[in-house]
Protein backbone atom coordinates (compact mmCIF):
# COMPACT_ATOMS: atom_id res chain seq x y z
CA MET A 1 -10.49 -14.28 119.48
CA GLU A 2 -10.90 -11.38 121.86
CA GLY A 3 -8.28 -10.14 124.27
CA ASP A 4 -7.39 -7.16 126.36
CA PRO A 5 -7.07 -4.25 123.88
CA ASN A 6 -4.66 -2.43 126.19
CA LYS A 7 -2.32 -5.42 126.32
CA ARG A 8 -2.58 -5.90 122.58
CA THR A 9 -1.65 -2.26 122.04
CA GLN A 10 1.27 -2.64 124.46
CA ILE A 11 2.53 -5.68 122.53
CA ILE A 12 2.34 -3.81 119.23
CA ASN A 13 4.08 -0.75 120.67
CA THR A 14 6.86 -2.90 122.10
CA LEU A 15 7.35 -4.63 118.76
CA ASN A 16 7.47 -1.25 117.01
CA THR A 17 10.07 0.14 119.41
CA LYS A 18 12.22 -2.35 121.30
CA SER A 19 12.08 -5.20 118.76
CA VAL A 20 12.76 -2.91 115.80
CA THR A 21 15.65 -1.31 117.71
CA LYS A 22 17.16 -4.71 118.46
CA GLN A 23 16.94 -5.72 114.82
CA GLU A 24 18.68 -2.49 113.80
CA VAL A 25 21.43 -3.20 116.33
CA TYR A 26 21.84 -6.76 115.03
CA ASN A 27 22.12 -5.56 111.42
CA ASN A 28 24.76 -2.97 112.39
CA THR A 29 26.75 -5.48 114.43
CA PHE A 30 26.70 -8.01 111.61
CA GLU A 31 27.88 -5.40 109.10
CA VAL A 32 30.71 -4.35 111.43
CA PHE A 33 31.69 -7.98 111.97
CA ASN A 34 31.98 -8.50 108.22
CA MET A 35 34.13 -5.35 108.04
CA LEU A 36 36.28 -6.82 110.81
CA LYS A 37 36.73 -10.03 108.80
CA ASP A 38 37.91 -8.03 105.79
CA ILE A 39 40.41 -6.15 107.96
CA LEU A 40 41.78 -9.38 109.46
CA HIS A 41 42.17 -10.92 106.01
CA GLU A 42 43.89 -7.83 104.65
CA MET A 43 46.09 -7.44 107.73
CA SER A 44 47.32 -11.04 107.65
CA GLY A 45 48.46 -10.64 104.05
CA GLU A 46 50.21 -7.33 104.73
CA ILE A 47 52.05 -8.67 107.78
CA ASN A 48 53.20 -11.79 105.93
CA GLU A 49 54.59 -9.63 103.12
CA THR A 50 56.66 -7.43 105.43
CA ILE A 51 57.72 -9.68 108.30
CA ALA A 52 61.43 -10.53 108.34
CA ASN A 53 61.06 -14.23 109.21
CA ALA A 54 57.79 -15.22 107.57
CA ARG A 55 59.09 -18.78 107.26
CA LEU A 56 59.38 -19.07 111.04
CA VAL A 57 56.51 -16.84 112.23
CA LYS A 58 53.10 -17.78 110.92
CA VAL A 59 50.31 -15.23 110.39
CA GLU A 60 47.14 -16.81 109.05
CA TYR A 61 43.53 -15.68 108.79
CA ARG A 62 40.61 -18.10 108.72
CA ASP A 63 36.89 -17.46 108.31
CA ARG A 64 35.06 -19.83 110.65
CA GLY A 65 31.51 -19.05 109.54
CA LYS A 66 29.00 -16.21 109.73
CA PHE A 67 29.75 -15.33 113.34
CA GLU A 68 33.35 -16.31 113.94
CA ALA A 69 36.81 -15.56 112.52
CA GLN A 70 40.35 -16.19 113.69
CA ILE A 71 43.85 -14.94 113.07
CA GLN A 72 46.94 -16.84 114.14
CA ILE A 73 49.87 -14.63 115.06
CA ALA A 74 52.90 -16.85 115.76
CA GLY A 75 51.94 -18.85 118.87
CA ASP A 76 48.68 -16.99 119.53
CA MET A 77 45.23 -17.65 118.15
CA LEU A 78 42.84 -14.70 118.37
CA ILE A 79 39.21 -15.63 117.85
CA PHE A 80 36.64 -12.95 117.06
CA SER A 81 33.09 -14.03 117.82
CA MET A 82 29.87 -12.11 117.23
CA HIS A 83 27.04 -12.91 119.62
CA THR A 84 23.74 -13.34 117.81
CA ASN A 85 21.69 -11.74 120.59
CA ILE A 86 21.30 -8.10 121.60
CA PHE A 87 22.01 -6.99 125.16
CA GLU A 88 20.98 -4.37 127.69
CA PHE A 89 23.21 -3.26 130.58
CA ASN A 90 22.40 -3.86 134.23
CA ARG A 91 21.47 -0.80 136.24
CA GLU A 92 24.81 -0.76 138.09
CA HIS A 93 26.81 -0.39 134.88
CA SER A 94 28.55 2.96 134.50
CA ILE A 95 27.13 3.30 130.98
CA TRP A 96 24.01 4.79 132.56
CA GLN A 97 26.02 7.83 133.64
CA ASN A 98 26.71 8.61 129.99
CA PRO A 99 24.63 11.54 128.60
CA TYR A 100 24.08 9.61 125.38
CA THR A 101 22.24 6.75 127.09
CA LYS A 102 20.39 9.14 129.39
CA GLN A 103 19.10 10.93 126.33
CA ASP A 104 17.37 7.83 124.92
CA VAL A 105 17.28 4.37 126.51
CA LYS A 106 17.19 2.79 123.02
CA ASN A 107 20.77 3.96 122.56
CA SER A 108 21.90 1.50 125.22
CA TYR A 109 20.93 -1.69 123.36
CA CYS A 110 24.11 -3.21 121.97
CA GLY A 111 25.43 -6.09 119.95
CA ILE A 112 28.71 -7.64 121.08
CA ILE A 113 31.82 -8.87 119.27
CA ASN A 114 34.09 -10.80 121.66
CA ILE A 115 37.86 -11.17 121.23
CA TYR A 116 39.49 -14.27 122.76
CA ASP A 117 43.17 -15.15 123.05
CA PHE A 118 44.18 -18.82 122.90
CA LEU A 119 47.41 -20.69 122.35
CA ALA A 120 47.65 -21.82 118.73
CA ASP A 121 49.00 -25.18 119.93
CA SER A 122 45.76 -25.77 121.87
CA PHE A 123 44.01 -26.18 118.51
CA LYS A 124 46.92 -27.78 116.68
CA TYR A 125 47.17 -30.59 119.23
CA ASN A 126 43.48 -30.68 120.10
CA ARG A 127 44.04 -29.86 123.78
CA SER A 128 40.38 -29.39 124.61
CA SER A 129 41.00 -28.58 128.28
CA ASP A 130 43.29 -25.62 127.53
CA GLU A 131 42.06 -22.17 128.51
CA GLY A 132 41.65 -18.98 126.55
CA TYR A 133 40.99 -15.45 127.77
CA LEU A 134 38.50 -12.79 126.82
CA ILE A 135 40.78 -9.82 126.11
CA GLY A 136 38.24 -7.47 124.59
CA ARG A 137 34.66 -6.94 123.54
CA ILE A 138 33.16 -4.37 121.18
CA PHE A 139 29.69 -2.93 121.85
CA ILE A 140 27.74 -1.49 118.89
CA ASN A 141 24.32 0.16 118.97
CA ARG A 142 21.53 1.14 116.55
CA GLU A 143 23.39 4.29 115.42
CA ARG A 144 26.71 2.45 115.01
CA GLN A 145 28.02 4.24 118.08
CA PHE A 146 30.40 2.00 119.99
CA PHE A 147 32.73 1.47 122.91
CA VAL A 148 35.21 -1.24 123.89
CA GLU A 149 35.98 -3.08 127.12
CA GLY A 150 39.25 -4.95 127.37
CA LYS A 151 42.98 -5.00 127.72
CA ARG A 152 44.62 -1.69 126.69
CA GLN A 153 41.38 -0.57 125.00
CA GLU A 154 40.96 2.61 127.07
CA THR A 155 40.97 4.77 123.90
CA TYR A 156 37.39 3.67 123.26
CA SER A 157 36.03 3.44 126.81
CA HIS A 158 32.35 3.74 127.70
CA GLU A 159 32.93 7.42 128.45
CA THR A 160 33.29 8.02 124.70
CA PHE A 161 30.05 6.21 123.86
CA GLY A 162 27.90 8.40 121.65
CA THR A 163 30.79 10.51 120.31
CA ARG A 164 32.15 8.16 117.61
CA THR A 165 30.69 6.08 114.81
CA ILE A 166 32.58 2.85 114.27
CA ASN A 167 34.52 2.68 111.00
CA LYS A 168 37.46 0.85 109.44
CA GLU A 169 40.04 3.06 111.13
CA HIS A 170 38.63 2.54 114.63
CA LEU A 171 38.16 -1.17 114.04
CA THR A 172 41.72 -1.59 112.79
CA ASN A 173 43.04 0.16 115.89
CA ILE A 174 40.97 -2.14 118.15
CA ILE A 175 42.27 -5.24 116.37
CA GLU A 176 45.90 -4.09 116.45
CA THR A 177 45.63 -3.28 120.17
CA ALA A 178 44.25 -6.78 120.85
CA ILE A 179 47.03 -8.42 118.82
CA LEU A 180 49.75 -6.43 120.57
CA TYR A 181 48.34 -7.37 123.96
CA ALA A 182 48.13 -11.05 123.00
CA ILE A 183 51.73 -11.33 121.79
CA ASP A 184 52.97 -9.48 124.90
CA PHE A 185 50.89 -11.75 127.17
CA ASP A 186 53.40 -14.55 127.84
CA LEU A 187 52.91 -18.13 128.87
CA LEU A 188 54.26 -18.41 132.42
CA VAL A 189 55.48 -21.51 134.21
CA PRO A 190 52.69 -22.74 136.52
CA PRO A 191 53.41 -23.19 140.24
CA TYR A 192 55.19 -26.49 140.91
CA ASP A 193 52.61 -27.64 143.48
CA THR A 194 49.79 -27.51 140.94
CA LEU A 195 51.51 -30.10 138.70
CA LYS A 196 53.50 -32.30 141.10
CA ILE A 197 50.82 -35.02 141.14
CA VAL A 198 49.66 -36.43 137.80
CA ALA A 199 47.16 -39.26 137.36
CA VAL A 200 47.91 -42.20 135.05
CA GLU A 201 44.92 -41.19 132.90
CA GLN A 202 46.33 -37.69 132.50
CA MET A 203 49.74 -39.02 131.50
CA ASN A 204 48.24 -41.45 128.99
CA THR A 205 46.20 -38.61 127.54
CA LYS A 206 49.32 -36.43 127.37
CA ILE A 207 51.24 -39.12 125.54
CA GLU A 208 48.44 -39.55 123.02
CA ASN A 209 47.34 -35.97 122.47
CA SER A 210 49.45 -33.58 124.60
CA LYS A 211 46.33 -32.65 126.56
CA ILE A 212 47.60 -31.67 129.99
CA GLN A 213 45.89 -28.35 130.52
CA THR A 214 47.87 -25.32 129.40
CA GLY A 215 46.97 -21.67 129.39
CA LYS A 216 48.73 -18.36 129.62
CA ARG A 217 49.58 -17.57 133.23
CA LEU A 218 48.08 -20.86 134.38
CA GLY A 219 47.59 -20.72 138.14
CA TYR A 220 47.61 -16.94 138.25
CA LYS A 221 44.61 -14.67 138.70
CA PHE A 222 43.62 -12.87 135.51
CA ASN A 223 41.60 -9.71 136.13
CA SER A 224 39.44 -7.75 133.72
CA ASP A 225 41.26 -4.49 134.41
CA ASP A 226 43.91 -3.19 132.02
CA VAL A 227 47.53 -4.10 132.74
């Protein structure tokens, strides 16, 4: 089978550069995610050993498979989820002002580990309509350089990208910051007008499974900026 030799060369070059880079990023992200799991497991044990009211306040780690892990801290459930794909940033993203990404475009390809905050009761009572919030996400590249977007994560902003290699110390700090934000992020009473009318179906569902939608700050706008 004959084809355009220029296109064939372009395909091979792309596979040797972009595709190899993406595989390197994936491998790094997966290694970091496994390190994160170890930290969560270790942290849950340490907290349980030192907390004053361990009988009343539950801290529990659970491995949910290759790409997901969770830790329950009292009434909060933090879920850490690694995306299996590798991402590039849109041209409006401020990451392109960073000297590190200007130096080599391959540095900008990143894997992502997302951090979500849910109510533990949402899972306990199977309230499938309850909402969780993305409170952080970790970006990791081919050289294990990283930055973090999220609540109170300004220590590792995109401006530091290319100056730090992710390690256990940095990862522990990211996790602790996310946990502190989650336990400070209270469940607020929703506006009366949003709940004053309830359908029979909703009430029957509530009686059976406690499924009337609940989420932290229900009815209030939740922005991506740090608070």
